[in-house]
Amino acid sequence: MPEEQKNREPVVVERVQTGVRMEKHLLKVLKAVAELKEMTLGDLLEGIVLHAFEGKLVPFSAQTLKEIEQFKSIYGMTLKASDSHNLKERKPPAVGQTPSARRS
């Protein structure tokens, strides 16, 4: 944490529970980063979004970016920022239908 943030008074907020759907490999990487930084997934997402809203493009240190690349490799995340407007959710199998039955 930067020195200027260590001496600041906490900002009191009201948090709400949300059920956000997200690409599974991206979520795995985010959870790994949160665990590495000893913070909750919600805290990590808040930080990323607040940085983005202020136009701060990189909320992570060079070391954390290296660790993120390792997590992406471990968890098979191949998505890039340029994919963000072209994502289409795979249809879930019908109730009682196995994945192999869908292919036939």
Protein backbone atom coordinates (compact mmCIF):
# COMPACT_ATOMS: atom_id res chain seq x y z
CA MET A 1 0.00 0.00 0.00
CA PRO A 2 1.42 3.42 -0.93
CA GLU A 3 2.57 5.53 2.03
CA GLU A 4 0.00 8.28 1.38
CA GLN A 5 -2.81 5.73 1.79
CA LYS A 6 -1.53 4.32 5.08
CA ASN A 7 -2.22 7.51 7.05
CA ARG A 8 -5.68 8.26 5.58
CA GLU A 9 -8.88 7.99 7.55
CA PRO A 10 -11.10 5.11 6.41
CA VAL A 11 -14.00 6.01 4.12
CA VAL A 12 -17.20 4.50 5.50
CA VAL A 13 -19.37 2.90 2.79
CA GLU A 14 -22.51 0.78 2.59
CA ARG A 15 -21.96 -2.47 0.71
CA VAL A 16 -24.68 -4.65 -0.81
CA GLN A 17 -24.66 -8.29 -1.88
CA THR A 18 -24.83 -8.84 -5.63
CA GLY A 19 -25.03 -11.86 -7.87
CA VAL A 20 -22.77 -10.96 -10.78
CA ARG A 21 -22.18 -13.48 -13.59
CA MET A 22 -18.65 -13.57 -14.95
CA GLU A 23 -16.53 -15.71 -17.28
CA LYS A 24 -15.22 -18.61 -15.20
CA HIS A 25 -11.49 -18.34 -16.02
CA LEU A 26 -11.53 -14.60 -15.36
CA LEU A 27 -13.17 -15.23 -12.00
CA LYS A 28 -10.53 -17.81 -11.07
CA VAL A 29 -7.75 -15.32 -11.84
CA LEU A 30 -9.48 -12.56 -9.86
CA LYS A 31 -9.93 -14.87 -6.86
CA ALA A 32 -6.25 -15.85 -7.03
CA VAL A 33 -5.15 -12.19 -7.11
CA ALA A 34 -7.44 -11.36 -4.18
CA GLU A 35 -6.00 -14.28 -2.21
CA LEU A 36 -2.44 -13.20 -3.07
CA LYS A 37 -3.16 -9.67 -1.86
CA GLU A 38 -5.02 -10.93 1.24
CA MET A 39 -8.20 -9.08 0.35
CA THR A 40 -11.74 -10.03 -0.53
CA LEU A 41 -12.85 -10.42 -4.11
CA GLY A 42 -15.25 -7.51 -3.56
CA ASP A 43 -12.44 -5.24 -2.34
CA LEU A 44 -10.32 -6.15 -5.35
CA LEU A 45 -13.16 -5.45 -7.79
CA GLU A 46 -13.96 -2.12 -6.08
CA GLY A 47 -10.33 -1.06 -6.43
CA ILE A 48 -10.14 -2.04 -10.10
CA VAL A 49 -13.38 -0.23 -10.94
CA LEU A 50 -12.50 2.93 -8.97
CA HIS A 51 -9.16 3.12 -10.78
CA ALA A 52 -10.89 2.61 -14.16
CA PHE A 53 -13.50 5.28 -13.39
CA GLU A 54 -10.68 7.79 -12.78
CA GLY A 55 -8.91 6.81 -16.00
CA LYS A 56 -6.02 5.15 -14.16
CA LEU A 57 -5.29 2.37 -16.58
CA VAL A 58 -3.06 0.13 -14.44
CA PRO A 59 -4.11 -0.38 -10.82
CA PHE A 60 -1.41 -3.05 -10.33
CA SER A 61 2.34 -2.97 -9.79
CA ALA A 62 4.69 -4.53 -12.33
CA GLN A 63 5.19 -7.49 -9.96
CA THR A 64 1.44 -8.05 -9.58
CA LEU A 65 1.02 -7.92 -13.37
CA LYS A 66 3.63 -10.70 -13.67
CA GLU A 67 1.73 -12.74 -11.09
CA ILE A 68 -1.53 -12.14 -12.96
CA GLU A 69 0.08 -13.48 -16.15
CA GLN A 70 1.08 -16.61 -14.23
CA PHE A 71 -2.46 -17.04 -12.88
CA LYS A 72 -3.88 -16.57 -16.39
CA SER A 73 -1.65 -19.37 -17.63
CA ILE A 74 -2.49 -21.65 -14.69
CA TYR A 75 -6.25 -21.15 -15.06
CA GLY A 76 -6.37 -21.13 -18.87
CA MET A 77 -7.57 -17.56 -19.27
CA THR A 78 -7.11 -16.47 -22.87
CA LEU A 79 -9.52 -13.51 -22.98
CA LYS A 80 -8.15 -10.05 -23.79
CA ALA A 81 -9.66 -6.60 -23.30
CA SER A 82 -10.45 -6.53 -27.01
CA ASP A 83 -12.78 -9.53 -26.47
CA SER A 84 -14.96 -7.66 -23.97
CA HIS A 85 -17.61 -6.52 -26.44
CA ASN A 86 -17.74 -9.84 -28.29
CA LEU A 87 -18.46 -12.32 -25.49
CA LYS A 88 -21.40 -14.66 -25.97
CA GLU A 89 -22.51 -16.96 -23.21
CA ARG A 90 -22.65 -20.67 -23.98
CA LYS A 91 -26.17 -22.04 -23.57
CA PRO A 92 -26.42 -24.30 -20.52
CA PRO A 93 -27.51 -27.91 -21.13
CA ALA A 94 -31.22 -28.58 -20.91
CA VAL A 95 -32.38 -29.94 -17.56
CA GLY A 96 -31.51 -33.63 -17.38
CA GLN A 97 -29.37 -33.49 -20.53
CA THR A 98 -25.69 -34.41 -20.31
CA PRO A 99 -23.06 -32.51 -22.33
CA SER A 100 -22.43 -35.60 -24.54
CA ALA A 101 -26.17 -35.86 -25.36
CA ARG A 102 -26.15 -32.26 -26.65
CA ARG A 103 -23.57 -33.06 -29.32
CA SER A 104 -25.67 -35.72 -31.03
